[in-house]
Amino acid sequence: MATFLKRKATVVALAALSLTLAGGGIAAAAHPAAKAPAEVAQPGARPPGQQPPVTAAETRAAKAALNATLAAPTPGLVAWAVVSSNGTLLQHSANVVSAKKFSASTPGQFAGQYQVTLDYAVNLKGLHATIGTNDAANVPPAGEVAVAPRYLIPNAVFVQTRSSTGGCADRPFHLFIAN
């Protein structure tokens, strides 16, 4: 009889614990302040994470850059660029050909989207970008940056910069391509 009561007490205790946890979860979901701070701080919907469409002019310019006379850096060396928030190429290594900022007023393009073109294929290289400037104080604005190979252009890199809250924003950046 004592074993039966111990089992029954265990089952009742587990049932009470389950109901308490379920009720607490429902109560926490009903209060928006109970959400994690990261959820509350994040903005609404972000623009799609897609690159702008490639134009025929961009394709021609990229092919012309591939025909440049410089050779790709040897393995272990780095190609680099410093690009301003308006897309101007401020400083760069020899293999960097150009930088441009996409126009946020064109459909499919958003603020903070850039393309950096080199004279060799970089689609299989290590890419890294960071928000940064080349001014005397070198204190960059707050923000985020993402880098990826440019869609359909093997010798270009796509860079997307955002504000600290995650919205698309024009930011200066430093780009590194590891060979």
C-alpha atoms as a PDB file:
ATOM      1  CA  MET A   1       0.000   0.000   0.000  1.00  0.00           C
ATOM      2  CA  ALA A   2       2.860   2.387   0.810  1.00  0.00           C
ATOM      3  CA  THR A   3       4.399   1.833  -2.652  1.00  0.00           C
ATOM      4  CA  PHE A   4       1.056   2.639  -4.303  1.00  0.00           C
ATOM      5  CA  LEU A   5       0.799   5.932  -2.378  1.00  0.00           C
ATOM      6  CA  LYS A   6       4.380   6.884  -3.261  1.00  0.00           C
ATOM      7  CA  ARG A   7       3.655   6.323  -6.959  1.00  0.00           C
ATOM      8  CA  LYS A   8       0.389   8.274  -6.753  1.00  0.00           C
ATOM      9  CA  ALA A   9       2.136  11.155  -4.951  1.00  0.00           C
ATOM     10  CA  THR A  10       4.857  11.224  -7.623  1.00  0.00           C
ATOM     11  CA  VAL A  11       2.283  11.349 -10.438  1.00  0.00           C
ATOM     12  CA  VAL A  12       0.333  14.128  -8.699  1.00  0.00           C
ATOM     13  CA  ALA A  13       3.525  16.128  -8.119  1.00  0.00           C
ATOM     14  CA  LEU A  14       4.576  15.805 -11.778  1.00  0.00           C
ATOM     15  CA  ALA A  15       1.090  16.816 -12.963  1.00  0.00           C
ATOM     16  CA  ALA A  16       1.122  19.899 -10.715  1.00  0.00           C
ATOM     17  CA  LEU A  17       4.610  20.833 -11.961  1.00  0.00           C
ATOM     18  CA  SER A  18       3.523  20.448 -15.602  1.00  0.00           C
ATOM     19  CA  LEU A  19       0.442  22.628 -15.104  1.00  0.00           C
ATOM     20  CA  THR A  20       2.512  25.268 -13.311  1.00  0.00           C
ATOM     21  CA  LEU A  21       5.059  25.399 -16.113  1.00  0.00           C
ATOM     22  CA  ALA A  22       2.376  25.487 -18.811  1.00  0.00           C
ATOM     23  CA  GLY A  23       0.493  28.248 -17.017  1.00  0.00           C
ATOM     24  CA  GLY A  24       3.675  30.259 -16.528  1.00  0.00           C
ATOM     25  CA  GLY A  25       4.512  29.961 -20.229  1.00  0.00           C
ATOM     26  CA  ILE A  26       1.074  31.178 -21.212  1.00  0.00           C
ATOM     27  CA  ALA A  27       1.304  34.070 -18.770  1.00  0.00           C
ATOM     28  CA  ALA A  28       4.774  35.041 -20.024  1.00  0.00           C
ATOM     29  CA  ALA A  29       3.585  34.993 -23.645  1.00  0.00           C
ATOM     30  CA  ALA A  30       0.699  37.297 -22.757  1.00  0.00           C
ATOM     31  CA  HIS A  31       3.064  40.014 -21.455  1.00  0.00           C
ATOM     32  CA  PRO A  32       5.198  41.704 -24.157  1.00  0.00           C
ATOM     33  CA  ALA A  33       7.605  43.022 -21.520  1.00  0.00           C
ATOM     34  CA  ALA A  34       8.514  39.427 -20.703  1.00  0.00           C
ATOM     35  CA  LYS A  35      10.147  38.966 -24.116  1.00  0.00           C
ATOM     36  CA  ALA A  36      13.887  38.699 -24.356  1.00  0.00           C
ATOM     37  CA  PRO A  37      15.657  42.081 -24.704  1.00  0.00           C
ATOM     38  CA  ALA A  38      17.032  41.102 -28.131  1.00  0.00           C
ATOM     39  CA  GLU A  39      13.512  40.608 -29.474  1.00  0.00           C
ATOM     40  CA  VAL A  40      12.324  43.948 -28.172  1.00  0.00           C
ATOM     41  CA  ALA A  41      15.342  45.884 -29.479  1.00  0.00           C
ATOM     42  CA  GLN A  42      15.244  44.523 -33.023  1.00  0.00           C
ATOM     43  CA  PRO A  43      13.445  46.593 -35.654  1.00  0.00           C
ATOM     44  CA  GLY A  44      10.564  45.385 -37.778  1.00  0.00           C
ATOM     45  CA  ALA A  45      11.047  43.653 -41.087  1.00  0.00           C
ATOM     46  CA  ARG A  46      14.419  44.053 -42.756  1.00  0.00           C
ATOM     47  CA  PRO A  47      14.677  44.562 -46.487  1.00  0.00           C
ATOM     48  CA  PRO A  48      15.298  41.334 -48.366  1.00  0.00           C
ATOM     49  CA  GLY A  49      18.870  40.059 -48.208  1.00  0.00           C
ATOM     50  CA  GLN A  50      19.243  39.964 -51.970  1.00  0.00           C
ATOM     51  CA  GLN A  51      21.819  41.577 -54.176  1.00  0.00           C
ATOM     52  CA  PRO A  52      20.730  44.073 -56.837  1.00  0.00           C
ATOM     53  CA  PRO A  53      20.308  42.627 -60.335  1.00  0.00           C
ATOM     54  CA  VAL A  54      23.405  42.589 -62.529  1.00  0.00           C
ATOM     55  CA  THR A  55      23.237  44.960 -65.511  1.00  0.00           C
ATOM     56  CA  ALA A  56      24.860  44.455 -68.896  1.00  0.00           C
ATOM     57  CA  ALA A  57      27.141  47.452 -68.234  1.00  0.00           C
ATOM     58  CA  GLU A  58      28.364  45.890 -64.975  1.00  0.00           C
ATOM     59  CA  THR A  59      29.085  42.618 -66.781  1.00  0.00           C
ATOM     60  CA  ARG A  60      31.070  44.416 -69.503  1.00  0.00           C
ATOM     61  CA  ALA A  61      33.062  46.434 -66.952  1.00  0.00           C
ATOM     62  CA  ALA A  62      33.846  43.302 -64.922  1.00  0.00           C
ATOM     63  CA  LYS A  63      35.058  41.433 -68.017  1.00  0.00           C
ATOM     64  CA  ALA A  64      37.261  44.389 -68.960  1.00  0.00           C
ATOM     65  CA  ALA A  65      38.740  44.424 -65.442  1.00  0.00           C
ATOM     66  CA  LEU A  66      39.583  40.720 -65.729  1.00  0.00           C
ATOM     67  CA  ASN A  67      41.672  41.542 -68.798  1.00  0.00           C
ATOM     68  CA  ALA A  68      43.847  43.997 -66.834  1.00  0.00           C
ATOM     69  CA  THR A  69      47.579  43.366 -66.891  1.00  0.00           C
ATOM     70  CA  LEU A  70      48.131  42.799 -63.165  1.00  0.00           C
ATOM     71  CA  ALA A  71      48.388  39.264 -61.858  1.00  0.00           C
ATOM     72  CA  ALA A  72      46.413  38.032 -58.888  1.00  0.00           C
ATOM     73  CA  PRO A  73      48.210  38.393 -55.556  1.00  0.00           C
ATOM     74  CA  THR A  74      50.198  35.337 -54.533  1.00  0.00           C
ATOM     75  CA  PRO A  75      48.629  32.983 -51.992  1.00  0.00           C
ATOM     76  CA  GLY A  76      48.861  34.395 -48.492  1.00  0.00           C
ATOM     77  CA  LEU A  77      48.713  38.034 -49.562  1.00  0.00           C
ATOM     78  CA  VAL A  78      45.695  40.281 -49.155  1.00  0.00           C
ATOM     79  CA  ALA A  79      43.874  42.606 -51.535  1.00  0.00           C
ATOM     80  CA  TRP A  80      42.167  45.475 -49.719  1.00  0.00           C
ATOM     81  CA  ALA A  81      40.065  48.589 -50.189  1.00  0.00           C
ATOM     82  CA  VAL A  82      38.770  51.485 -48.105  1.00  0.00           C
ATOM     83  CA  VAL A  83      35.433  52.737 -49.446  1.00  0.00           C
ATOM     84  CA  SER A  84      33.548  55.853 -48.293  1.00  0.00           C
ATOM     85  CA  SER A  85      29.845  55.864 -47.512  1.00  0.00           C
ATOM     86  CA  ASN A  86      29.120  57.402 -50.948  1.00  0.00           C
ATOM     87  CA  GLY A  87      30.962  54.577 -52.740  1.00  0.00           C
ATOM     88  CA  THR A  88      34.221  56.408 -53.462  1.00  0.00           C
ATOM     89  CA  LEU A  89      37.319  54.217 -53.473  1.00  0.00           C
ATOM     90  CA  LEU A  90      39.556  56.083 -50.972  1.00  0.00           C
ATOM     91  CA  GLN A  91      42.534  53.721 -50.704  1.00  0.00           C
ATOM     92  CA  HIS A  92      43.189  50.290 -52.188  1.00  0.00           C
ATOM     93  CA  SER A  93      45.709  47.677 -53.181  1.00  0.00           C
ATOM     94  CA  ALA A  94      46.852  47.350 -56.781  1.00  0.00           C
ATOM     95  CA  ASN A  95      44.322  44.706 -57.809  1.00  0.00           C
ATOM     96  CA  VAL A  96      41.233  46.706 -56.820  1.00  0.00           C
ATOM     97  CA  VAL A  97      39.783  48.323 -59.945  1.00  0.00           C
ATOM     98  CA  SER A  98      36.674  50.192 -58.778  1.00  0.00           C
ATOM     99  CA  ALA A  99      33.970  50.650 -56.163  1.00  0.00           C
ATOM    100  CA  LYS A 100      30.417  51.834 -56.589  1.00  0.00           C
ATOM    101  CA  LYS A 101      27.369  52.471 -54.446  1.00  0.00           C
ATOM    102  CA  PHE A 102      24.002  51.260 -55.674  1.00  0.00           C
ATOM    103  CA  SER A 103      21.248  53.866 -55.827  1.00  0.00           C
ATOM    104  CA  ALA A 104      18.559  53.379 -53.184  1.00  0.00           C
ATOM    105  CA  SER A 105      16.061  55.074 -55.523  1.00  0.00           C
ATOM    106  CA  THR A 106      16.325  52.238 -58.092  1.00  0.00           C
ATOM    107  CA  PRO A 107      13.917  49.298 -57.647  1.00  0.00           C
ATOM    108  CA  GLY A 108      15.645  46.257 -56.124  1.00  0.00           C
ATOM    109  CA  GLN A 109      18.414  48.371 -54.579  1.00  0.00           C
ATOM    110  CA  PHE A 110      18.667  49.638 -51.021  1.00  0.00           C
ATOM    111  CA  ALA A 111      20.823  52.069 -49.057  1.00  0.00           C
ATOM    112  CA  GLY A 112      24.171  50.673 -47.994  1.00  0.00           C
ATOM    113  CA  GLN A 113      24.721  48.382 -50.998  1.00  0.00           C
ATOM    114  CA  TYR A 114      28.123  48.501 -52.697  1.00  0.00           C
ATOM    115  CA  GLN A 115      30.138  46.629 -55.310  1.00  0.00           C
ATOM    116  CA  VAL A 116      33.944  46.451 -55.349  1.00  0.00           C
ATOM    117  CA  THR A 117      35.522  45.102 -58.551  1.00  0.00           C
ATOM    118  CA  LEU A 118      38.982  43.524 -58.804  1.00  0.00           C
ATOM    119  CA  ASP A 119      41.089  42.366 -61.742  1.00  0.00           C
ATOM    120  CA  TYR A 120      40.996  38.682 -60.774  1.00  0.00           C
ATOM    121  CA  ALA A 121      38.307  36.182 -59.717  1.00  0.00           C
ATOM    122  CA  VAL A 122      37.509  36.458 -56.019  1.00  0.00           C
ATOM    123  CA  ASN A 123      34.439  34.231 -55.832  1.00  0.00           C
ATOM    124  CA  LEU A 124      36.388  31.465 -54.032  1.00  0.00           C
ATOM    125  CA  LYS A 125      38.498  33.711 -51.785  1.00  0.00           C
ATOM    126  CA  GLY A 126      38.155  34.600 -48.117  1.00  0.00           C
ATOM    127  CA  LEU A 127      36.209  37.863 -47.740  1.00  0.00           C
ATOM    128  CA  HIS A 128      36.057  40.149 -44.716  1.00  0.00           C
ATOM    129  CA  ALA A 129      34.654  43.648 -44.217  1.00  0.00           C
ATOM    130  CA  THR A 130      34.390  45.989 -41.266  1.00  0.00           C
ATOM    131  CA  ILE A 131      32.843  49.415 -40.780  1.00  0.00           C
ATOM    132  CA  GLY A 132      35.668  51.955 -40.921  1.00  0.00           C
ATOM    133  CA  THR A 133      36.935  55.267 -42.230  1.00  0.00           C
ATOM    134  CA  ASN A 134      40.318  56.702 -43.164  1.00  0.00           C
ATOM    135  CA  ASP A 135      39.924  60.094 -41.484  1.00  0.00           C
ATOM    136  CA  ALA A 136      42.477  61.392 -38.987  1.00  0.00           C
ATOM    137  CA  ALA A 137      40.539  60.266 -35.898  1.00  0.00           C
ATOM    138  CA  ASN A 138      39.483  56.994 -37.593  1.00  0.00           C
ATOM    139  CA  VAL A 139      36.383  56.650 -35.452  1.00  0.00           C
ATOM    140  CA  PRO A 140      33.831  54.861 -37.641  1.00  0.00           C
ATOM    141  CA  PRO A 141      30.079  55.236 -37.234  1.00  0.00           C
ATOM    142  CA  ALA A 142      28.193  52.462 -35.483  1.00  0.00           C
ATOM    143  CA  GLY A 143      26.765  49.795 -37.708  1.00  0.00           C
ATOM    144  CA  GLU A 144      26.966  46.346 -39.248  1.00  0.00           C
ATOM    145  CA  VAL A 145      28.474  45.065 -42.475  1.00  0.00           C
ATOM    146  CA  ALA A 146      28.096  41.890 -44.524  1.00  0.00           C
ATOM    147  CA  VAL A 147      30.178  40.803 -47.513  1.00  0.00           C
ATOM    148  CA  ALA A 148      29.637  38.161 -50.186  1.00  0.00           C
ATOM    149  CA  PRO A 149      30.820  37.320 -53.701  1.00  0.00           C
ATOM    150  CA  ARG A 150      28.871  39.394 -56.253  1.00  0.00           C
ATOM    151  CA  TYR A 151      26.161  37.388 -57.926  1.00  0.00           C
ATOM    152  CA  LEU A 152      27.116  36.470 -61.537  1.00  0.00           C
ATOM    153  CA  ILE A 153      30.339  38.541 -61.456  1.00  0.00           C
ATOM    154  CA  PRO A 154      33.300  36.367 -60.357  1.00  0.00           C
ATOM    155  CA  ASN A 155      35.707  39.296 -59.914  1.00  0.00           C
ATOM    156  CA  ALA A 156      33.454  41.512 -57.769  1.00  0.00           C
ATOM    157  CA  VAL A 157      32.413  41.629 -54.134  1.00  0.00           C
ATOM    158  CA  PHE A 158      29.022  42.728 -52.785  1.00  0.00           C
ATOM    159  CA  VAL A 159      28.936  44.652 -49.501  1.00  0.00           C
ATOM    160  CA  GLN A 160      25.799  45.536 -47.479  1.00  0.00           C
ATOM    161  CA  THR A 161      26.066  48.011 -44.588  1.00  0.00           C
ATOM    162  CA  ARG A 162      23.405  48.610 -41.949  1.00  0.00           C
ATOM    163  CA  SER A 163      22.823  50.864 -38.966  1.00  0.00           C
ATOM    164  CA  SER A 164      23.153  49.498 -35.431  1.00  0.00           C
ATOM    165  CA  THR A 165      19.423  48.795 -35.372  1.00  0.00           C
ATOM    166  CA  GLY A 166      19.629  46.668 -38.534  1.00  0.00           C
ATOM    167  CA  GLY A 167      18.156  49.082 -41.073  1.00  0.00           C
ATOM    168  CA  CYS A 168      19.934  49.604 -44.394  1.00  0.00           C
ATOM    169  CA  ALA A 169      22.289  52.582 -44.086  1.00  0.00           C
ATOM    170  CA  ASP A 170      25.255  53.997 -45.962  1.00  0.00           C
ATOM    171  CA  ARG A 171      28.441  53.343 -43.977  1.00  0.00           C
ATOM    172  CA  PRO A 172      32.147  53.538 -44.906  1.00  0.00           C
ATOM    173  CA  PHE A 173      33.967  50.225 -44.785  1.00  0.00           C
ATOM    174  CA  HIS A 174      37.286  48.416 -45.106  1.00  0.00           C
ATOM    175  CA  LEU A 175      37.327  45.307 -47.321  1.00  0.00           C
ATOM    176  CA  PHE A 176      39.911  42.489 -47.231  1.00  0.00           C
ATOM    177  CA  ILE A 177      40.217  39.609 -49.687  1.00  0.00           C
ATOM    178  CA  ALA A 178      42.488  36.781 -48.545  1.00  0.00           C
ATOM    179  CA  ASN A 179      44.221  34.885 -51.343  1.00  0.00           C
END
